[in-house]
């Protein structure tokens, strides 16, 4: 057993300290890991194709120091066509070469791969900076394939003083578990969304592919003609409804509608406001389509005063005549007059 102690002044050269001794000395109060600031210290990020880049930064292993002043690019071996693997980017204190190096430890191909074990013996001591998942058939690394291990105090950790004030392992594991759950959930949702969009596209394409075959212009023209056949009856039907105009004349009424019908068809309905009370049998001419008898109550010709000045009336064409549906605003006035004349009967 050897006991080391110091630092003491040398007397006649009896106290000589080398780099190994100073490394042991500093390792007693400075813990291993990467320095916390900035947060990108020695961070592993996706780069190009099958390459990753280690950002500039500083690290510490067993009293030895590493500093990188620029991006350090690392190449990963090609993927397998069937199996996956996990490569591990490590910061290695190499006692044989007397330096700290940043290298890739290649993983083993498997359907459920595991990252390589860290070397920690008399020859080398390694800290894991990140694990990189190499999917089967992959030709490019994305950031989603990289698991940052710098905050995992078991594999790496943050450089700390004599007392390790922050053990990040638990919080890192919680974060990693949450991240894996979210990533799995989002991946599933994206797959489902993609399948729905693909099916909707295929359905839509199936509906138009006959248009895109052969003479596209002719196919489109045929579709337009078909739509016109469908829509035109609805337009004609629209002309039958919601028509309103002002009727001029006394017994020969004329109404001009803005949405003008081109022909009178059975079921055609309009409303009009009468301007002059009629004095007998009445006809109605709509937009110059010909005067048609205006009748009431099962086809009876109108009597004088059936149409009041200012009254609004609804009529429907039965194929030969316009049939009056109501007596407009004059009904109540007429009824009131009759009630007045019968007071002597009701109240005597």
Protein backbone atom coordinates (compact mmCIF):
# COMPACT_ATOMS: atom_id res chain seq x y z
CA UNK A 1 0.00 0.00 0.00
CA UNK A 2 1.22 3.50 -0.90
CA UNK A 3 0.14 6.66 0.87
CA UNK A 4 0.36 9.87 -1.12
CA UNK A 5 0.39 13.32 0.49
CA UNK A 6 1.58 16.82 -0.22
CA UNK A 7 2.25 19.42 -1.41
CA UNK A 8 5.55 20.07 0.43
CA UNK A 9 8.67 22.03 -0.35
CA UNK A 10 11.52 20.00 -1.74
CA UNK A 11 14.77 19.69 0.27
CA UNK A 12 17.71 18.70 -1.84
CA UNK A 13 15.26 17.33 -4.46
CA UNK A 14 13.40 14.93 -2.19
CA UNK A 15 9.96 16.24 -3.18
CA UNK A 16 9.31 16.02 -6.91
CA UNK A 17 5.77 16.07 -8.34
CA UNK A 18 4.85 14.99 -11.87
CA UNK A 19 1.68 15.44 -13.99
CA UNK A 20 0.16 12.20 -12.66
CA UNK A 21 0.54 13.46 -9.09
CA UNK A 22 -1.08 16.82 -9.85
CA UNK A 23 -3.94 15.07 -11.66
CA UNK A 24 -4.58 12.99 -8.55
CA UNK A 25 -4.45 16.12 -6.45
CA UNK A 26 -6.98 18.05 -8.54
CA UNK A 27 -9.23 15.00 -8.91
CA UNK A 28 -9.81 15.01 -5.15
CA UNK A 29 -11.90 18.19 -5.29
CA UNK A 30 -12.96 18.59 -8.95
CA UNK A 31 -15.47 16.01 -10.19
CA UNK A 32 -15.64 14.50 -13.66
CA UNK A 33 -17.93 15.71 -16.44
CA UNK A 34 -18.50 18.61 -18.80
CA UNK A 35 -18.54 22.22 -17.65
CA UNK A 36 -22.10 23.56 -17.27
CA UNK A 37 -21.73 26.87 -19.12
CA UNK A 38 -22.58 27.36 -21.87
CA UNK A 39 -25.28 24.71 -22.11
CA UNK A 40 -23.91 23.58 -25.50
CA UNK A 41 -20.56 22.52 -23.96
CA UNK A 42 -19.45 19.41 -25.91
CA UNK A 43 -23.01 18.81 -27.10
CA UNK A 44 -23.46 16.17 -29.82
CA UNK A 45 -25.67 17.30 -32.71
CA UNK A 46 -26.74 15.94 -36.10
CA UNK A 47 -24.56 17.15 -38.95
CA UNK A 48 -24.62 15.73 -42.47
CA UNK A 49 -25.67 12.29 -43.66
CA UNK A 50 -24.02 9.77 -41.30
CA UNK A 51 -22.06 12.39 -39.40
CA UNK A 52 -22.45 14.14 -36.06
CA UNK A 53 -20.70 17.19 -34.67
CA UNK A 54 -19.44 17.80 -31.13
CA UNK A 55 -19.83 21.47 -30.21
CA UNK A 56 -16.95 23.46 -28.69
CA UNK A 57 -16.49 23.18 -24.92
CA UNK A 58 -14.52 21.93 -21.96
CA UNK A 59 -14.46 18.73 -19.93
CA UNK A 60 -12.69 17.16 -16.97
CA UNK A 61 -11.69 13.55 -16.24
CA UNK A 62 -9.78 12.45 -13.11
CA UNK A 63 -7.84 15.68 -12.86
CA UNK A 64 -7.13 16.00 -16.59
CA UNK A 65 -8.56 18.79 -18.71
CA UNK A 66 -9.83 18.96 -22.31
CA UNK A 67 -10.77 22.05 -24.27
CA UNK A 68 -12.16 22.11 -27.84
CA UNK A 69 -12.31 25.51 -29.54
CA UNK A 70 -14.42 24.48 -32.56
CA UNK A 71 -16.81 21.94 -34.03
CA UNK A 72 -15.44 18.39 -33.99
CA UNK A 73 -17.02 16.26 -36.76
CA UNK A 74 -17.30 12.49 -36.32
CA UNK A 75 -18.33 9.96 -38.98
CA UNK A 76 -20.51 6.96 -38.16
CA UNK A 77 -20.35 3.63 -39.96
CA UNK A 78 -23.10 2.79 -42.45
CA UNK A 79 -26.34 1.25 -41.22
CA UNK A 80 -27.38 -2.37 -41.60
CA UNK A 81 -30.27 -3.19 -43.89
CA UNK A 82 -32.15 -5.21 -41.25
CA UNK A 83 -30.81 -4.60 -37.74
CA UNK A 84 -30.29 -1.46 -35.67
CA UNK A 85 -27.41 -0.38 -33.45
CA UNK A 86 -26.55 2.34 -30.92
CA UNK A 87 -23.20 4.13 -31.21
CA UNK A 88 -21.86 6.03 -28.21
CA UNK A 89 -19.88 9.28 -28.49
CA UNK A 90 -17.41 9.34 -25.59
CA UNK A 91 -14.80 11.59 -24.05
CA UNK A 92 -11.92 9.21 -23.27
CA UNK A 93 -8.96 9.78 -20.94
CA UNK A 94 -6.36 7.54 -22.63
CA UNK A 95 -3.41 6.85 -20.32
CA UNK A 96 -1.55 4.94 -23.06
CA UNK A 97 -1.56 7.87 -25.51
CA UNK A 98 -1.56 10.47 -22.70
CA UNK A 99 -4.44 12.53 -23.98
CA UNK A 100 -8.20 13.04 -23.74
CA UNK A 101 -9.89 12.24 -27.04
CA UNK A 102 -13.46 12.39 -28.36
CA UNK A 103 -14.33 9.24 -30.31
CA UNK A 104 -17.24 7.05 -31.44
CA UNK A 105 -17.69 3.62 -29.89
CA UNK A 106 -19.59 1.52 -32.43
CA UNK A 107 -22.50 -0.51 -31.09
CA UNK A 108 -23.56 -4.07 -31.91
CA UNK A 109 -26.28 -4.76 -34.49
CA UNK A 110 -29.51 -6.10 -32.94
CA UNK A 111 -33.28 -5.80 -33.23
CA UNK A 112 -33.25 -4.14 -29.78
CA UNK A 113 -29.73 -2.70 -29.54
CA UNK A 114 -27.90 -1.42 -26.45
CA UNK A 115 -25.17 1.22 -26.24
CA UNK A 116 -21.56 0.00 -25.77
CA UNK A 117 -20.21 -0.28 -22.22
CA UNK A 118 -17.87 2.49 -21.06
CA UNK A 119 -14.23 1.58 -20.46
CA UNK A 120 -13.06 2.51 -16.98
CA UNK A 121 -9.82 0.76 -16.07
CA UNK A 122 -6.09 1.41 -15.72
CA UNK A 123 -5.71 2.13 -19.45
CA UNK A 124 -8.65 4.49 -20.03
CA UNK A 125 -11.59 6.23 -18.41
CA UNK A 126 -14.58 7.20 -20.54
CA UNK A 127 -17.52 9.59 -20.14
CA UNK A 128 -20.51 9.33 -22.48
CA UNK A 129 -21.53 12.53 -24.23
CA UNK A 130 -24.42 11.05 -26.25
CA UNK A 131 -25.93 7.87 -27.68
CA UNK A 132 -26.83 7.77 -31.38
CA UNK A 133 -29.48 5.37 -32.68
CA UNK A 134 -28.66 3.97 -36.13
CA UNK A 135 -31.88 2.62 -37.59
CA UNK A 136 -31.78 -0.13 -40.17
CA UNK A 137 -31.40 1.31 -43.65
CA UNK A 138 -30.64 4.82 -42.32
CA UNK A 139 -28.62 7.15 -44.53
CA UNK A 140 -28.85 10.27 -42.36
CA UNK A 141 -28.73 11.08 -38.64
CA UNK A 142 -31.38 13.42 -37.24
CA UNK A 143 -31.46 15.12 -33.86
CA UNK A 144 -34.27 12.77 -32.83
CA UNK A 145 -31.79 9.86 -33.12
CA UNK A 146 -29.45 11.44 -30.54
CA UNK A 147 -29.86 10.95 -26.78
CA UNK A 148 -27.86 13.52 -24.82
CA UNK A 149 -26.09 11.84 -21.85
CA UNK A 150 -24.19 14.84 -20.48
CA UNK A 151 -26.58 15.35 -17.56
CA UNK A 152 -26.57 11.66 -16.61
CA UNK A 153 -24.12 11.62 -13.68
CA UNK A 154 -23.63 7.84 -14.02
CA UNK A 155 -22.41 8.15 -17.60
CA UNK A 156 -21.05 11.72 -17.61
CA UNK A 157 -22.38 14.55 -15.43
CA UNK A 158 -21.48 18.17 -14.78
CA UNK A 159 -18.10 19.26 -13.39
CA UNK A 160 -18.58 20.03 -9.69
CA UNK A 161 -16.59 20.94 -6.57
CA UNK A 162 -15.67 18.93 -3.51
CA UNK A 163 -19.32 18.42 -2.62
CA UNK A 164 -21.48 17.19 -5.48
CA UNK A 165 -24.34 19.62 -4.89
CA UNK A 166 -26.54 18.47 -7.76
CA UNK A 167 -27.19 14.82 -8.59
CA UNK A 168 -28.85 15.05 -11.99
CA UNK A 169 -29.37 11.33 -12.56
CA UNK A 170 -32.94 11.11 -11.22
CA UNK A 171 -34.24 14.22 -12.96
CA UNK A 172 -32.50 13.20 -16.17
CA UNK A 173 -34.10 9.74 -16.05
CA UNK A 174 -37.50 11.33 -15.49
CA UNK A 175 -36.97 13.68 -18.38
CA UNK A 176 -35.76 10.89 -20.64
CA UNK A 177 -38.77 8.71 -19.78
CA UNK A 178 -41.13 11.62 -20.47
CA UNK A 179 -39.37 12.40 -23.73
CA UNK A 180 -39.54 8.79 -24.89
CA UNK A 181 -43.28 8.64 -24.10
CA UNK A 182 -43.98 11.88 -25.94
CA UNK A 183 -41.83 10.86 -28.88
CA UNK A 184 -43.65 7.53 -29.14
CA UNK A 185 -47.06 9.19 -28.87
CA UNK A 186 -46.26 11.85 -31.46
CA UNK A 187 -44.78 9.26 -33.78
CA UNK A 188 -47.99 7.23 -33.56
CA UNK A 189 -50.15 10.29 -34.21
CA UNK A 190 -48.02 11.26 -37.19
CA UNK A 191 -48.35 7.78 -38.66
CA UNK A 192 -52.13 7.84 -38.17
CA UNK A 193 -52.38 11.33 -39.68
CA UNK A 194 -50.27 10.24 -42.63
CA UNK A 195 -52.47 7.19 -43.23
CA UNK A 196 -55.65 9.31 -43.14
CA UNK A 197 -54.21 11.87 -45.54
CA UNK A 198 -53.01 9.14 -47.86
CA UNK A 199 -56.43 7.47 -47.90
CA UNK A 200 -58.22 10.79 -48.54
CA UNK A 201 -55.84 11.53 -51.39
CA UNK A 202 -56.38 8.11 -52.93
CA UNK A 203 -60.16 8.52 -52.66
CA UNK A 204 -60.00 11.95 -54.28
CA UNK A 205 -57.63 10.76 -57.00
CA UNK A 206 -59.89 7.79 -57.74
CA UNK A 207 -62.74 10.22 -58.33
CA UNK A 208 -60.84 12.30 -60.91
CA UNK A 209 -58.45 9.88 -62.55
CA UNK A 210 -60.90 9.25 -65.42
CA UNK A 211 -60.77 12.99 -66.14
CA UNK A 212 -56.99 12.86 -66.39
CA UNK A 213 -57.06 9.95 -68.85
CA UNK A 214 -57.16 10.61 -72.60
CA UNK A 215 -58.47 13.98 -73.75
CA UNK A 216 -58.39 16.00 -70.51
CA UNK A 217 -60.10 19.07 -72.04
CA UNK A 218 -62.96 16.98 -73.42
CA UNK A 219 -63.38 15.16 -70.11
CA UNK A 220 -63.53 18.45 -68.23
CA UNK A 221 -66.04 19.86 -70.71
CA UNK A 222 -68.23 16.78 -70.24
CA UNK A 223 -68.06 17.23 -66.47
CA UNK A 224 -69.08 20.90 -66.80
CA UNK A 225 -72.02 19.97 -69.03
CA UNK A 226 -73.12 17.37 -66.52
CA UNK A 227 -72.96 19.92 -63.71
CA UNK A 228 -75.05 22.33 -65.77
CA UNK A 229 -77.71 19.66 -66.20
CA UNK A 230 -77.79 19.21 -62.45
CA UNK A 231 -77.66 22.89 -61.49
CA UNK A 232 -79.97 24.43 -64.10
CA UNK A 233 -83.14 22.76 -62.73
CA UNK A 234 -82.26 24.15 -59.31
CA UNK A 235 -81.86 27.62 -60.81
CA UNK A 236 -85.22 27.24 -62.55
CA UNK A 237 -86.74 26.09 -59.28
CA UNK A 238 -85.27 29.12 -57.55
CA UNK A 239 -87.16 31.35 -59.97
CA UNK A 240 -90.37 29.84 -58.63
CA UNK A 241 -89.70 30.98 -55.10
CA UNK A 242 -88.96 34.12 -53.15
CA UNK A 243 -90.30 36.35 -55.97
CA UNK A 244 -91.64 39.76 -55.01
CA UNK A 245 -92.82 42.73 -57.07
CA UNK A 246 -95.21 45.69 -57.32
CA UNK A 247 -98.49 45.21 -59.22
CA UNK A 248 -99.68 48.13 -61.32
CA UNK A 249 -103.06 48.56 -62.96
CA UNK A 250 -106.59 48.02 -61.70
CA UNK A 251 -108.11 44.85 -63.16
CA UNK A 252 -105.24 44.13 -65.55
CA UNK A 253 -102.28 43.79 -63.21
CA UNK A 254 -98.69 43.85 -64.40
CA UNK A 255 -95.77 42.66 -62.21
CA UNK A 256 -92.11 42.83 -63.18
CA UNK A 257 -89.77 40.59 -61.16
CA UNK A 258 -86.04 41.30 -60.90
CA UNK A 259 -85.20 37.60 -61.01
CA UNK A 260 -87.16 37.20 -64.23
CA UNK A 261 -88.71 33.86 -65.18
CA UNK A 262 -88.49 32.86 -68.85
CA UNK A 263 -91.67 30.82 -68.78
CA UNK A 264 -94.62 30.16 -66.52
CA UNK A 265 -94.52 26.65 -65.07
CA UNK A 266 -96.99 24.96 -62.78
CA UNK A 267 -96.05 25.70 -59.17
CA UNK A 268 -94.55 29.09 -59.93
CA UNK A 269 -95.23 31.33 -56.92
CA UNK A 270 -94.86 35.06 -56.34
CA UNK A 271 -95.87 37.77 -53.95
CA UNK A 272 -96.90 41.26 -55.01
CA UNK A 273 -97.99 44.50 -53.45
CA UNK A 274 -101.19 45.85 -55.02
CA UNK A 275 -101.37 49.57 -55.80
CA UNK A 276 -105.06 50.08 -56.79
CA UNK A 277 -108.10 48.19 -55.51
CA UNK A 278 -109.70 46.02 -58.22
CA UNK A 279 -113.23 46.66 -59.42
CA UNK A 280 -114.06 43.23 -60.84
CA UNK A 281 -112.55 40.17 -62.55
CA UNK A 282 -108.76 40.55 -62.72
CA UNK A 283 -105.80 39.19 -64.73
CA UNK A 284 -102.09 39.09 -63.89
CA UNK A 285 -99.23 39.44 -66.35
CA UNK A 286 -95.75 38.55 -65.00
CA UNK A 287 -92.73 39.89 -66.91
CA UNK A 288 -94.67 39.98 -70.19
CA UNK A 289 -95.35 36.22 -70.21
CA UNK A 290 -99.07 36.81 -70.90
CA UNK A 291 -102.13 37.89 -68.89
CA UNK A 292 -103.54 35.00 -66.85
CA UNK A 293 -106.80 35.01 -64.87
CA UNK A 294 -106.40 35.78 -61.18
CA UNK A 295 -108.89 33.68 -59.19
CA UNK A 296 -109.78 32.79 -55.62
CA UNK A 297 -111.36 29.96 -53.62
CA UNK A 298 -111.17 27.06 -56.08
CA UNK A 299 -111.10 29.07 -59.28
CA UNK A 300 -113.77 31.77 -58.72
CA UNK A 301 -113.19 35.06 -60.50
CA UNK A 302 -112.38 38.02 -58.25
CA UNK A 303 -115.09 40.43 -57.18
CA UNK A 304 -114.72 44.18 -56.74
CA UNK A 305 -112.57 45.02 -53.73
CA UNK A 306 -110.98 41.59 -53.33
CA UNK A 307 -107.60 43.25 -53.91
CA UNK A 308 -107.02 46.22 -51.61
CA UNK A 309 -104.71 49.12 -52.34
CA UNK A 310 -101.50 48.50 -50.42
CA UNK A 311 -102.32 44.82 -49.74
CA UNK A 312 -99.64 42.15 -50.22
CA UNK A 313 -100.82 38.92 -51.87
CA UNK A 314 -99.37 35.48 -52.61
CA UNK A 315 -100.40 33.66 -55.79
CA UNK A 316 -99.46 30.33 -57.36
CA UNK A 317 -99.73 29.40 -61.03
CA UNK A 318 -101.68 26.15 -61.62
CA UNK A 319 -100.87 25.89 -65.30
CA UNK A 320 -103.76 28.08 -66.49
CA UNK A 321 -104.55 30.67 -63.81
CA UNK A 322 -103.01 32.38 -60.81
CA UNK A 323 -104.74 31.26 -57.59
CA UNK A 324 -104.96 33.76 -54.75
CA UNK A 325 -103.68 32.35 -51.44
CA UNK A 326 -104.85 35.16 -49.14
CA UNK A 327 -106.46 38.64 -49.09
CA UNK A 328 -103.37 40.56 -47.94
CA UNK A 329 -103.48 43.52 -45.58
CA UNK A 330 -107.14 44.32 -46.27
CA UNK A 331 -108.63 41.35 -44.41
CA UNK A 332 -108.70 42.83 -40.94
CA UNK A 333 -110.05 46.19 -42.10
CA UNK A 334 -112.93 44.53 -43.92
CA UNK A 335 -113.69 42.31 -40.96
CA UNK A 336 -113.62 45.26 -38.59
CA UNK A 337 -116.20 47.14 -40.66
CA UNK A 338 -118.55 44.15 -40.61
CA UNK A 339 -118.17 43.88 -36.85
CA UNK A 340 -119.05 47.56 -36.47
CA UNK A 341 -122.27 47.20 -38.46
CA UNK A 342 -123.45 44.32 -36.27
CA UNK A 343 -123.06 46.02 -32.91
CA UNK A 344 -126.80 46.48 -32.64
CA UNK A 345 -127.26 42.75 -33.02
CA UNK A 346 -124.54 41.72 -30.57
CA UNK A 347 -125.18 44.22 -27.82
CA UNK A 348 -128.97 44.83 -27.85
